[in-house]
Amino acid sequence: MNRNRNKTDIPDTSVGDHQTRRVRWGDTVRVAFMAWLEDGTLIDSSIGSEPPTFTAGTHSVMEGIERLVIGMSVGESKTEKIPPDSAFGPYRPELSSRVSRSWFQAQKIEPQIGLCIEVRKKDDTLVDMIITGLNGDHVTLDANNQLAGKGLLVQLDLLEILDQPGSGVHATPTLETWRKRQPQ
């Protein structure tokens, strides 16, 4: 699928004398949203906070959200299931590993399930890992997002297209939290 479409892919529609502007790739939008796991657990929402903005096609939000907003008009609401591959990605077993408890003792860390630690890889980069298991002399660490492998149900309300010609308003992506956010 070509995700780098141009702005002319989605036609605007006319209702009487009024032209309805639809979101196109490259448009910056402000949205309200709610996101649930498939079991109905609410995991995130813009209720009670500043509605986020992002630019469609810049990959600053998950792919499923970008695809959902394309073609929407201001005031429109969509609710759609987003599969794992278009949300937080598939669960990747190779990002999970078992480590000896003695390593934790040497680092002066008391391992507890849910504890997030930074681990230095062989190439000297740091990766966030969460303790997901304690078994005798071993501790299981996992670098997968806690929502990896899970589908979502997302309600998206388009509040505003910010960079309409002549508006003088240009926004920047601010939804990086969609990639990193963990359930509370």
Protein backbone atom coordinates (compact mmCIF):
# COMPACT_ATOMS: atom_id res chain seq x y z
CA MET A 1 0.00 0.00 0.00
CA ASN A 2 1.38 3.42 -0.94
CA ARG A 3 1.16 5.54 2.20
CA ASN A 4 2.70 8.60 0.54
CA ARG A 5 -0.32 9.69 -1.41
CA ASN A 6 -0.75 13.22 -2.67
CA LYS A 7 -3.41 15.63 -1.46
CA THR A 8 -5.62 15.12 -4.52
CA ASP A 9 -6.50 11.46 -3.73
CA ILE A 10 -9.63 12.33 -1.69
CA PRO A 11 -12.22 14.48 -3.45
CA ASP A 12 -14.05 17.20 -1.59
CA THR A 13 -17.84 16.99 -1.76
CA SER A 14 -20.46 19.67 -2.28
CA VAL A 15 -23.72 20.01 -0.37
CA GLY A 16 -25.73 22.78 -1.94
CA ASP A 17 -23.45 25.83 -2.11
CA HIS A 18 -21.21 24.49 0.69
CA GLN A 19 -17.96 22.69 -0.11
CA THR A 20 -17.07 19.99 2.46
CA ARG A 21 -13.31 19.69 2.93
CA ARG A 22 -12.02 16.15 3.47
CA VAL A 23 -8.74 15.19 5.12
CA ARG A 24 -5.96 14.34 2.69
CA TRP A 25 -2.43 12.99 3.16
CA GLY A 26 -0.27 15.84 4.47
CA ASP A 27 -3.12 17.67 6.24
CA THR A 28 -2.64 18.58 9.90
CA VAL A 29 -5.69 17.73 11.98
CA ARG A 30 -6.99 18.06 15.55
CA VAL A 31 -8.96 15.07 16.82
CA ALA A 32 -10.76 13.79 19.86
CA PHE A 33 -10.40 10.06 20.43
CA MET A 34 -11.11 7.08 22.62
CA ALA A 35 -9.32 3.73 22.30
CA TRP A 36 -10.32 0.37 23.76
CA LEU A 37 -8.83 -3.10 23.74
CA GLU A 38 -10.99 -5.68 22.01
CA ASP A 39 -12.24 -6.83 25.44
CA GLY A 40 -13.74 -3.36 26.03
CA THR A 41 -11.03 -2.01 28.36
CA LEU A 42 -10.57 1.74 27.77
CA ILE A 43 -6.82 2.34 27.34
CA ASP A 44 -6.63 5.97 26.27
CA SER A 45 -8.80 8.99 25.60
CA SER A 46 -8.49 12.69 24.89
CA ILE A 47 -11.40 13.45 27.23
CA GLY A 48 -10.26 15.95 29.83
CA SER A 49 -7.09 16.88 27.95
CA GLU A 50 -6.05 19.00 25.01
CA PRO A 51 -7.16 17.27 21.79
CA PRO A 52 -4.04 16.07 19.96
CA THR A 53 -2.89 17.21 16.54
CA PHE A 54 -0.94 15.30 13.92
CA THR A 55 -0.13 15.46 10.24
CA ALA A 56 -1.53 12.57 8.21
CA GLY A 57 1.18 10.67 6.41
CA THR A 58 4.13 11.63 8.60
CA HIS A 59 3.98 8.38 10.60
CA SER A 60 3.79 10.32 13.88
CA VAL A 61 0.79 8.20 14.92
CA MET A 62 -0.03 4.55 14.40
CA GLU A 63 -0.87 3.56 10.84
CA GLY A 64 -4.46 2.65 11.68
CA ILE A 65 -5.17 6.16 13.00
CA GLU A 66 -3.67 7.77 9.88
CA ARG A 67 -5.80 5.62 7.60
CA LEU A 68 -8.93 6.24 9.69
CA VAL A 69 -8.70 10.05 9.46
CA ILE A 70 -8.15 10.16 5.67
CA GLY A 71 -11.37 11.20 3.94
CA MET A 72 -13.07 12.49 7.09
CA SER A 73 -14.67 15.94 7.21
CA VAL A 74 -14.84 18.26 10.22
CA GLY A 75 -17.54 17.11 12.66
CA GLU A 76 -17.44 13.52 11.42
CA SER A 77 -16.93 10.61 13.80
CA LYS A 78 -15.65 7.14 12.89
CA THR A 79 -15.30 4.03 15.00
CA GLU A 80 -13.20 1.21 13.63
CA LYS A 81 -11.29 -1.89 14.67
CA ILE A 82 -7.56 -1.51 14.15
CA PRO A 83 -5.64 -4.80 13.79
CA PRO A 84 -2.38 -5.32 15.73
CA ASP A 85 -0.19 -4.74 12.66
CA SER A 86 -1.68 -1.24 12.24
CA ALA A 87 -1.70 -0.46 15.98
CA PHE A 88 1.26 -1.32 18.23
CA GLY A 89 2.56 -4.05 15.93
CA PRO A 90 2.76 -7.80 16.36
CA TYR A 91 4.20 -9.36 19.49
CA ARG A 92 7.83 -10.25 18.69
CA PRO A 93 9.16 -13.10 20.87
CA GLU A 94 12.75 -12.21 19.97
CA LEU A 95 12.35 -9.00 22.03
CA SER A 96 11.87 -11.07 25.19
CA SER A 97 14.76 -12.69 27.04
CA ARG A 98 15.62 -14.44 30.29
CA VAL A 99 18.35 -12.96 32.46
CA SER A 100 20.00 -14.37 35.57
CA ARG A 101 18.90 -12.81 38.87
CA SER A 102 22.61 -12.38 39.63
CA TRP A 103 22.77 -9.72 36.88
CA PHE A 104 20.12 -7.74 38.79
CA GLN A 105 22.02 -8.18 42.05
CA ALA A 106 25.17 -6.82 40.38
CA GLN A 107 23.14 -3.78 39.21
CA LYS A 108 21.63 -3.37 42.72
CA ILE A 109 18.11 -3.75 41.29
CA GLU A 110 15.39 -5.69 43.10
CA PRO A 111 13.39 -7.31 40.24
CA GLN A 112 9.62 -6.85 40.39
CA ILE A 113 7.04 -7.65 37.74
CA GLY A 114 6.12 -4.46 35.89
CA LEU A 115 9.40 -2.68 36.66
CA CYS A 116 10.77 -0.90 33.58
CA ILE A 117 14.54 -0.71 33.23
CA GLU A 118 16.95 0.58 30.59
CA VAL A 119 19.22 -2.13 29.22
CA ARG A 120 22.36 -1.37 27.22
CA LYS A 121 22.64 -3.54 24.12
CA LYS A 122 25.89 -4.82 22.61
CA ASP A 123 25.84 -1.91 20.10
CA ASP A 124 25.77 0.50 23.10
CA THR A 125 22.18 1.66 22.49
CA LEU A 126 19.66 1.70 25.34
CA VAL A 127 16.35 -0.13 25.19
CA ASP A 128 13.46 0.03 27.67
CA MET A 129 12.51 -3.42 28.94
CA ILE A 130 9.79 -4.47 31.36
CA ILE A 131 10.09 -7.31 33.83
CA THR A 132 7.30 -9.72 32.88
CA GLY A 133 8.30 -12.83 34.79
CA LEU A 134 10.19 -14.07 37.85
CA ASN A 135 11.12 -17.76 37.87
CA GLY A 136 13.66 -19.08 40.34
CA ASP A 137 17.10 -17.85 39.32
CA HIS A 138 15.84 -16.08 36.18
CA VAL A 139 14.00 -12.88 35.31
CA THR A 140 12.11 -12.39 32.04
CA LEU A 141 12.58 -9.01 30.33
CA ASP A 142 10.43 -7.85 27.42
CA ALA A 143 11.03 -4.92 25.05
CA ASN A 144 7.66 -5.29 23.28
CA ASN A 145 5.09 -2.57 23.84
CA GLN A 146 2.58 -3.94 26.35
CA LEU A 147 -0.11 -3.60 23.67
CA ALA A 148 1.87 -5.39 20.94
CA GLY A 149 -0.18 -8.14 19.34
CA LYS A 150 -3.49 -6.62 20.44
CA GLY A 151 -6.19 -5.13 18.25
CA LEU A 152 -7.90 -1.89 19.21
CA LEU A 153 -11.29 -0.29 18.76
CA VAL A 154 -10.83 3.44 18.12
CA GLN A 155 -13.39 6.24 17.96
CA LEU A 156 -12.00 9.27 16.19
CA ASP A 157 -13.82 12.63 15.98
CA LEU A 158 -12.37 15.15 13.53
CA LEU A 159 -12.47 18.53 15.25
CA GLU A 160 -10.46 20.63 12.82
CA ILE A 161 -8.30 20.60 9.70
CA LEU A 162 -5.61 23.03 10.82
CA ASP A 163 -3.67 23.77 7.68
CA GLN A 164 -6.45 24.69 5.30
CA PRO A 165 -5.41 27.16 2.62
CA GLY A 166 -5.66 30.71 3.92
CA SER A 167 -6.07 29.71 7.57
CA GLY A 168 -2.54 30.75 8.53
CA VAL A 169 -2.46 27.86 11.01
CA HIS A 170 0.18 25.18 10.68
CA ALA A 171 0.58 22.54 13.37
CA THR A 172 3.21 19.93 14.07
CA PRO A 173 2.76 16.28 15.07
CA THR A 174 2.21 15.79 18.79
CA LEU A 175 0.84 12.26 19.03
CA GLU A 176 4.13 10.43 19.57
CA THR A 177 2.52 9.21 22.79
CA TRP A 178 0.40 6.79 20.71
CA ARG A 179 3.54 4.79 20.03
CA LYS A 180 4.88 4.79 23.58
CA ARG A 181 1.82 4.89 25.78
CA GLN A 182 1.39 1.99 28.16
CA PRO A 183 -1.86 1.03 29.91
CA GLN A 184 -2.17 2.52 33.37
